[in-house]
Amino acid sequence: MRKSHPVRRAVLAGAATVSGIVLLLSLKPASDPGSAQAAGQAPPAAAGQAPQGGVNGAVTGDAVQTQYGPVQVRLTMSGGKITQAEAVQSPKGGRSDQITASSVPRLNQAAVAAQSADIDAVSGATYTSAGYKKSLQSALDKAKASSGGAQGSGNAQTLTGDVAQTQYGPVQVRITVAGGKITKAEAVQAPKGGRSDQITSTSVPRLNQAAVAAGSAEIDAVSGATYTSAGYKKSLQSALDKAPAGGGSSQAAGSGGGSSQAAGSGGGQAQTQTLTGSVAQTEYGPVQVRITVAGGKITKAEAVQAPKGGRSDQITSTSVPRLNQAAVAAGNAQIDAVSGATYTSAGYKQSLQSALDQAGG
């Protein structure tokens, strides 16, 4: 057998060594952001860019009533991002159990993937999906409000008002407030079905525009949409009430002209407060009064709840405006009952007094 030449052996050995090094380098874990992300690892933060700020912990959205039962979503957040979503309430009983079991896990996954409430409804679970999205949005609104404090006085906030029940369905308003002004208003719930669809489609856009223009809940009702307008104004006012006072920029406060709820802002100006009394239960329904107090005086009074349905509608429409006027004129709860509205008057005075008690007067 012919022996290999020593030089040839050296060349082959060198080639083998180089091949081994190349192979080892090719097995080195990828360090570029795209490779790290593909492997399920978070990409490194860019230089000079801090992780997204925001809430850390659990945030629970409002319970949303659907045709088949309430839906309520809880989020777990880290650095302002949704890391987990779960439904703490969902429709149950009968076929709802099956629908909930198949749809809610998919909605949870979609919420984490989208990082918003802009998720698709699950086929066959329309009502559950709609309720889930509304509760999810309210949780996100709460997270934004609690984390949004202080990146300048013009920082925008999204505030969702309470649901106002009307004769034709619930109304709920969401507003965006920046620099103490309403920059956007929208109805996240409004009456629907039958003729309500037409009324809602024409009245709500006008109410949204009016809210932005007025910067308060002092807006006119839309003709032909009395109940929707009343519900819109109530929910809008409750959203404005949630806007924190102070912080260097006045927040729209629902007391005409965009005046601030001055909470210790100094300058010798009288502080304006919006105070909502306790609900007074009467034989014909609940009564609840909200007042605006400035300089120790009642400057505005309104009934955010009053008996309704049947003859109560007529009694409420005539008595409540008179009670509101009397409360402002008297500056206290020592007002006369309206003839023919004894129960409503008594409930009004009781709720008015509880609102005054909150003001310490």
Protein backbone atom coordinates (compact mmCIF):
# COMPACT_ATOMS: atom_id res chain seq x y z
CA MET A 1 0.00 0.00 0.00
CA ARG A 2 1.26 3.44 -0.87
CA LYS A 3 1.87 5.68 2.15
CA SER A 4 0.26 9.13 2.34
CA HIS A 5 2.59 12.00 1.86
CA PRO A 6 3.26 13.98 5.11
CA VAL A 7 2.31 17.31 3.47
CA ARG A 8 -0.97 15.87 2.25
CA ARG A 9 -1.81 14.63 5.75
CA ALA A 10 -1.14 18.10 7.16
CA VAL A 11 -3.41 19.74 4.61
CA LEU A 12 -6.24 17.30 5.34
CA ALA A 13 -5.85 17.79 9.10
CA GLY A 14 -6.00 21.59 8.71
CA ALA A 15 -9.12 21.37 6.57
CA ALA A 16 -10.81 19.17 9.16
CA THR A 17 -9.97 21.67 11.92
CA VAL A 18 -11.41 24.60 9.94
CA SER A 19 -14.60 22.63 9.20
CA GLY A 20 -15.02 21.86 12.90
CA ILE A 21 -14.68 25.54 13.87
CA VAL A 22 -17.23 26.59 11.24
CA LEU A 23 -19.64 23.95 12.53
CA LEU A 24 -19.27 25.13 16.14
CA LEU A 25 -19.86 28.77 15.15
CA SER A 26 -23.00 27.82 13.27
CA LEU A 27 -24.40 26.25 16.47
CA LYS A 28 -23.92 29.48 18.53
CA PRO A 29 -27.32 30.86 19.75
CA ALA A 30 -28.59 33.75 17.65
CA SER A 31 -28.11 37.11 19.32
CA ASP A 32 -29.95 39.41 16.93
CA PRO A 33 -33.38 40.68 18.07
CA GLY A 34 -35.24 38.89 15.30
CA SER A 35 -33.75 35.51 16.18
CA ALA A 36 -34.36 36.00 19.88
CA GLN A 37 -37.98 36.83 19.22
CA ALA A 38 -38.40 33.84 16.96
CA ALA A 39 -37.12 31.63 19.76
CA GLY A 40 -39.80 32.94 22.12
CA GLN A 41 -37.51 35.39 23.94
CA ALA A 42 -38.30 39.09 24.38
CA PRO A 43 -36.10 41.28 22.21
CA PRO A 44 -33.70 43.54 24.10
CA ALA A 45 -34.88 47.10 24.70
CA ALA A 46 -33.45 49.63 22.29
CA ALA A 47 -30.77 51.89 23.68
CA GLY A 48 -32.23 54.82 25.59
CA GLN A 49 -35.77 53.35 25.40
CA ALA A 50 -37.25 52.29 28.73
CA PRO A 51 -39.76 49.44 28.89
CA GLN A 52 -43.34 50.59 28.38
CA GLY A 53 -44.61 52.17 31.58
CA GLY A 54 -47.97 51.39 33.14
CA VAL A 55 -49.83 49.36 35.67
CA ASN A 56 -48.35 46.28 37.27
CA GLY A 57 -50.86 43.91 38.81
CA ALA A 58 -54.53 43.03 38.37
CA VAL A 59 -57.19 45.34 36.95
CA THR A 60 -60.85 44.31 36.88
CA GLY A 61 -63.25 45.78 34.34
CA ASP A 62 -66.88 46.69 34.92
CA ALA A 63 -69.47 43.93 34.85
CA VAL A 64 -71.39 44.15 31.57
CA GLN A 65 -74.94 42.84 31.45
CA THR A 66 -75.76 40.77 28.38
CA GLN A 67 -78.91 38.98 27.27
CA TYR A 68 -77.60 35.75 28.77
CA GLY A 69 -75.89 37.04 31.91
CA PRO A 70 -73.06 39.30 33.13
CA VAL A 71 -69.55 39.31 31.71
CA GLN A 72 -66.61 40.74 33.65
CA VAL A 73 -62.94 40.64 32.69
CA ARG A 74 -59.85 40.79 34.88
CA LEU A 75 -56.44 41.60 33.41
CA THR A 76 -53.01 40.93 34.80
CA MET A 77 -50.61 43.59 33.60
CA SER A 78 -46.86 44.07 33.68
CA GLY A 79 -45.17 47.21 32.46
CA GLY A 80 -48.41 48.38 30.90
CA LYS A 81 -48.89 45.18 28.87
CA ILE A 82 -51.57 42.53 29.24
CA THR A 83 -49.92 39.30 30.35
CA GLN A 84 -53.11 37.45 31.23
CA ALA A 85 -56.84 37.91 30.67
CA GLU A 86 -59.65 35.99 32.33
CA ALA A 87 -63.41 36.25 32.66
CA VAL A 88 -64.37 36.37 36.34
CA GLN A 89 -68.03 36.44 35.35
CA SER A 90 -69.61 34.91 32.26
CA PRO A 91 -73.02 33.53 31.20
CA LYS A 92 -73.83 30.17 32.73
CA GLY A 93 -76.59 27.61 32.90
CA GLY A 94 -77.96 25.42 30.14
CA ARG A 95 -76.38 25.94 26.74
CA SER A 96 -74.51 29.00 28.03
CA ASP A 97 -72.09 26.69 29.85
CA GLN A 98 -70.98 25.15 26.57
CA ILE A 99 -70.73 28.49 24.78
CA THR A 100 -68.76 30.05 27.62
CA ALA A 101 -66.39 27.09 27.83
CA SER A 102 -65.51 27.33 24.14
CA SER A 103 -65.55 31.10 23.61
CA VAL A 104 -63.99 32.63 26.73
CA PRO A 105 -60.56 30.95 26.38
CA ARG A 106 -60.37 32.23 22.80
CA LEU A 107 -61.34 35.73 23.89
CA ASN A 108 -58.70 35.61 26.63
CA GLN A 109 -56.02 34.66 24.13
CA ALA A 110 -57.17 37.34 21.69
CA ALA A 111 -56.99 40.04 24.38
CA VAL A 112 -53.38 39.15 25.23
CA ALA A 113 -52.43 38.96 21.55
CA ALA A 114 -54.10 42.25 20.57
CA GLN A 115 -53.17 44.20 23.73
CA SER A 116 -56.47 46.05 23.28
CA ALA A 117 -60.21 45.52 23.11
CA ASP A 118 -60.11 45.46 19.30
CA ILE A 119 -60.68 41.73 19.06
CA ASP A 120 -62.99 39.68 16.88
CA ALA A 121 -66.19 38.20 18.25
CA VAL A 122 -66.24 34.42 18.58
CA SER A 123 -68.67 32.82 16.14
CA GLY A 124 -71.75 31.56 17.96
CA ALA A 125 -71.02 33.71 21.04
CA THR A 126 -72.03 37.19 19.87
CA TYR A 127 -73.46 38.46 23.15
CA THR A 128 -70.68 37.02 25.29
CA SER A 129 -68.07 38.48 22.93
CA ALA A 130 -69.67 41.94 22.99
CA GLY A 131 -69.87 41.94 26.78
CA TYR A 132 -66.30 40.68 27.05
CA LYS A 133 -64.98 43.47 24.82
CA LYS A 134 -66.83 46.16 26.79
CA SER A 135 -65.56 44.89 30.13
CA LEU A 136 -62.07 44.51 28.69
CA GLN A 137 -62.14 48.11 27.48
CA SER A 138 -63.25 49.35 30.89
CA ALA A 139 -60.36 47.47 32.52
CA LEU A 140 -57.94 49.07 30.07
CA ASP A 141 -59.48 52.48 30.80
CA LYS A 142 -58.90 51.95 34.52
CA ALA A 143 -55.33 50.88 33.91
CA LYS A 144 -54.67 53.95 31.79
CA ALA A 145 -56.27 56.26 34.35
CA SER A 146 -54.26 54.84 37.24
CA SER A 147 -50.95 54.87 35.38
CA GLY A 148 -51.46 57.98 33.36
CA GLY A 149 -50.54 60.56 35.95
CA ALA A 150 -47.73 62.63 35.04
CA GLN A 151 -46.17 62.97 31.68
CA GLY A 152 -47.14 66.60 31.49
CA SER A 153 -50.30 68.52 32.19
CA GLY A 154 -51.75 67.75 28.76
CA ASN A 155 -51.75 63.99 29.35
CA ALA A 156 -54.88 62.41 27.84
CA GLN A 157 -57.19 60.24 29.90
CA THR A 158 -59.94 57.90 28.79
CA LEU A 159 -62.87 57.81 31.21
CA THR A 160 -65.93 55.58 30.96
CA GLY A 161 -69.15 56.73 32.60
CA ASP A 162 -71.61 54.58 34.50
CA VAL A 163 -74.33 52.77 32.58
CA ALA A 164 -77.54 54.82 32.54
CA GLN A 165 -80.64 52.66 32.18
CA THR A 166 -83.35 54.18 29.97
CA GLN A 167 -86.80 53.02 28.93
CA TYR A 168 -85.36 51.71 25.65
CA GLY A 169 -82.06 50.29 26.83
CA PRO A 170 -78.75 51.20 28.49
CA VAL A 171 -76.59 54.17 27.52
CA GLN A 172 -72.91 54.41 28.44
CA VAL A 173 -70.47 57.12 27.38
CA ARG A 174 -66.68 57.07 27.08
CA ILE A 175 -64.72 60.31 26.80
CA THR A 176 -61.12 61.29 26.22
CA VAL A 177 -59.97 64.28 28.27
CA ALA A 178 -56.73 66.16 27.55
CA GLY A 179 -55.62 69.48 29.00
CA GLY A 180 -58.89 69.78 30.91
CA LYS A 181 -61.00 69.50 27.74
CA ILE A 182 -63.11 66.75 26.22
CA THR A 183 -61.37 65.85 22.98
CA LYS A 184 -63.53 62.86 22.08
CA ALA A 185 -66.87 61.40 23.16
CA GLU A 186 -68.51 58.15 22.12
CA ALA A 187 -71.39 55.95 23.23
CA VAL A 188 -70.15 52.44 24.01
CA GLN A 189 -73.71 51.38 24.76
CA ALA A 190 -76.92 52.77 23.26
CA PRO A 191 -80.50 51.54 22.72
CA LYS A 192 -80.79 49.11 19.83
CA GLY A 193 -83.33 46.96 18.07
CA GLY A 194 -86.30 48.03 15.98
CA ARG A 195 -86.79 51.78 15.71
CA SER A 196 -84.10 52.36 18.35
CA ASP A 197 -81.43 51.58 15.76
CA GLN A 198 -82.53 54.53 13.64
CA ILE A 199 -82.86 56.90 16.60
CA THR A 200 -79.46 55.90 17.97
CA SER A 201 -77.72 56.28 14.60
CA THR A 202 -78.97 59.85 14.20
CA SER A 203 -78.86 61.12 17.79
CA VAL A 204 -75.65 59.68 19.22
CA PRO A 205 -73.26 61.36 16.73
CA ARG A 206 -74.93 64.69 17.50
CA LEU A 207 -74.65 64.09 21.25
CA ASN A 208 -70.97 63.19 20.84
CA GLN A 209 -70.30 66.44 18.98
CA ALA A 210 -72.25 68.44 21.55
CA ALA A 211 -70.25 66.94 24.44
CA VAL A 212 -66.95 67.91 22.83
CA ALA A 213 -68.20 71.38 21.95
CA ALA A 214 -69.65 72.08 25.41
CA GLY A 215 -66.85 70.45 27.40
CA SER A 216 -69.49 69.40 29.92
CA ALA A 217 -72.76 67.51 30.33
CA GLU A 218 -74.74 70.72 29.78
CA ILE A 219 -75.92 69.73 26.33
CA ASP A 220 -79.34 69.90 24.69
CA ALA A 221 -81.42 66.79 24.15
CA VAL A 222 -81.77 65.67 20.55
CA SER A 223 -85.32 66.06 19.28
CA GLY A 224 -87.03 62.68 19.04
CA ALA A 225 -84.44 61.01 21.26
CA THR A 226 -85.43 62.26 24.71
CA TYR A 227 -84.64 59.09 26.66
CA THR A 228 -81.38 58.42 24.86
CA SER A 229 -80.29 62.02 25.38
CA ALA A 230 -81.11 61.91 29.10
CA GLY A 231 -79.20 58.65 29.54
CA TYR A 232 -76.27 60.02 27.54
CA LYS A 233 -76.05 63.13 29.72
CA LYS A 234 -76.16 61.07 32.94
CA SER A 235 -73.41 58.74 31.81
CA LEU A 236 -71.36 61.65 30.46
CA GLN A 237 -71.62 63.44 33.80
CA SER A 238 -70.49 60.33 35.69
CA ALA A 239 -67.46 60.06 33.38
CA LEU A 240 -66.61 63.70 34.08
CA ASP A 241 -66.99 63.08 37.80
CA LYS A 242 -64.28 60.42 37.54
CA ALA A 243 -61.74 62.91 36.18
CA PRO A 244 -59.33 63.66 39.07
CA ALA A 245 -59.11 67.23 40.22
CA GLY A 246 -55.86 69.21 40.28
CA GLY A 247 -52.72 67.86 38.67
CA GLY A 248 -51.78 71.24 37.26
CA SER A 249 -54.46 71.31 34.56
CA SER A 250 -58.15 71.82 35.08
CA GLN A 251 -60.33 68.83 34.29
CA ALA A 252 -63.68 69.25 32.61
CA ALA A 253 -66.16 69.11 35.44
CA GLY A 254 -69.59 69.20 33.92
CA SER A 255 -70.36 72.57 35.49
CA GLY A 256 -70.65 74.69 32.35
CA GLY A 257 -67.73 76.38 30.69
CA GLY A 258 -65.22 73.67 31.57
CA SER A 259 -64.45 75.07 35.01
CA SER A 260 -62.12 73.00 37.14
CA GLN A 261 -62.92 71.09 40.33
CA ALA A 262 -60.31 73.16 41.93
CA ALA A 263 -59.31 70.93 44.90
CA GLY A 264 -56.93 73.19 46.68
CA SER A 265 -55.73 75.07 43.63
CA GLY A 266 -55.47 78.22 45.65
CA GLY A 267 -55.75 81.75 44.38
CA GLY A 268 -58.68 82.47 46.69
CA GLN A 269 -61.17 81.00 44.21
CA ALA A 270 -64.19 79.12 45.52
CA GLN A 271 -63.88 75.37 45.20
CA THR A 272 -66.47 73.66 43.03
CA GLN A 273 -67.64 70.18 43.99
CA THR A 274 -69.99 67.74 42.35
CA LEU A 275 -71.65 65.53 44.95
CA THR A 276 -74.05 62.65 44.39
CA GLY A 277 -76.41 61.70 47.19
CA SER A 278 -77.38 58.22 48.24
CA VAL A 279 -80.21 56.45 46.44
CA ALA A 280 -83.52 56.92 48.26
CA GLN A 281 -85.96 54.08 47.65
CA THR A 282 -89.60 55.17 47.33
CA GLU A 283 -92.85 53.32 46.74
CA TYR A 284 -92.65 54.16 43.02
CA GLY A 285 -88.94 53.78 42.40
CA PRO A 286 -85.49 55.12 43.38
CA VAL A 287 -84.59 58.80 43.61
CA GLN A 288 -81.00 60.05 43.55
CA VAL A 289 -79.83 63.66 43.48
CA ARG A 290 -76.57 65.19 42.23
CA ILE A 291 -75.62 68.73 43.20
CA THR A 292 -72.88 71.16 42.29
CA VAL A 293 -71.63 73.24 45.21
CA ALA A 294 -69.44 76.34 44.88
CA GLY A 295 -68.54 78.80 47.62
CA GLY A 296 -70.73 76.87 50.04
CA LYS A 297 -73.83 77.29 47.86
CA ILE A 298 -75.80 74.89 45.66
CA THR A 299 -75.37 76.16 42.12
CA LYS A 300 -77.06 73.23 40.40
CA ALA A 301 -79.29 70.29 41.36
CA GLU A 302 -80.52 67.40 39.23
CA ALA A 303 -82.12 64.01 39.72
CA VAL A 304 -79.95 61.31 38.20
CA GLN A 305 -82.59 58.73 39.15
CA ALA A 306 -86.35 59.24 39.50
CA PRO A 307 -89.48 57.06 39.30
CA LYS A 308 -90.43 56.15 35.74
CA GLY A 309 -92.93 54.08 33.83
CA GLY A 310 -96.64 54.69 33.41
CA ARG A 311 -97.99 57.70 35.28
CA SER A 312 -94.64 58.14 37.08
CA ASP A 313 -93.18 59.61 33.88
CA GLN A 314 -95.64 62.48 33.96
CA ILE A 315 -95.22 63.09 37.69
CA THR A 316 -91.42 63.02 37.43
CA SER A 317 -91.33 65.37 34.44
CA THR A 318 -93.35 68.01 36.29
CA SER A 319 -92.07 67.63 39.84
CA VAL A 320 -88.33 67.11 39.47
CA PRO A 321 -87.57 70.42 37.71
CA ARG A 322 -89.44 72.23 40.49
CA LEU A 323 -87.53 70.32 43.16
CA ASN A 324 -84.24 71.16 41.44
CA GLN A 325 -85.10 74.85 41.42
CA ALA A 326 -86.18 74.73 45.06
CA ALA A 327 -82.93 73.07 46.12
CA VAL A 328 -80.84 75.79 44.45
CA ALA A 329 -83.05 78.56 45.86
CA ALA A 330 -83.05 77.20 49.42
CA GLY A 331 -79.43 76.07 49.48
CA ASN A 332 -80.45 73.13 51.66
CA ALA A 333 -82.85 70.19 51.87
CA GLN A 334 -85.56 72.17 53.66
CA ILE A 335 -87.79 72.43 50.60
CA ASP A 336 -91.53 71.95 50.16
CA ALA A 337 -92.92 68.80 48.62
CA VAL A 338 -94.49 69.18 45.20
CA SER A 339 -98.24 68.63 45.28
CA GLY A 340 -99.15 65.28 43.74
CA ALA A 341 -95.57 63.99 44.04
CA THR A 342 -95.32 63.25 47.75
CA TYR A 343 -93.15 60.12 47.49
CA THR A 344 -90.84 61.57 44.86
CA SER A 345 -90.42 64.75 46.89
CA ALA A 346 -89.60 62.84 50.06
CA GLY A 347 -87.01 60.69 48.26
CA TYR A 348 -85.54 63.77 46.60
CA LYS A 349 -85.11 65.57 49.92
CA GLN A 350 -83.53 62.51 51.51
CA SER A 351 -80.98 62.07 48.71
CA LEU A 352 -80.33 65.82 48.59
CA GLN A 353 -79.55 65.85 52.30
CA SER A 354 -77.09 62.97 51.91
CA ALA A 355 -75.30 64.89 49.15
CA LEU A 356 -75.10 67.96 51.40
CA ASP A 357 -73.77 65.80 54.23
CA GLN A 358 -70.86 64.84 51.96
CA ALA A 359 -70.07 68.51 51.47
CA GLY A 360 -70.09 68.98 55.21
CA GLY A 361 -72.98 71.41 54.99
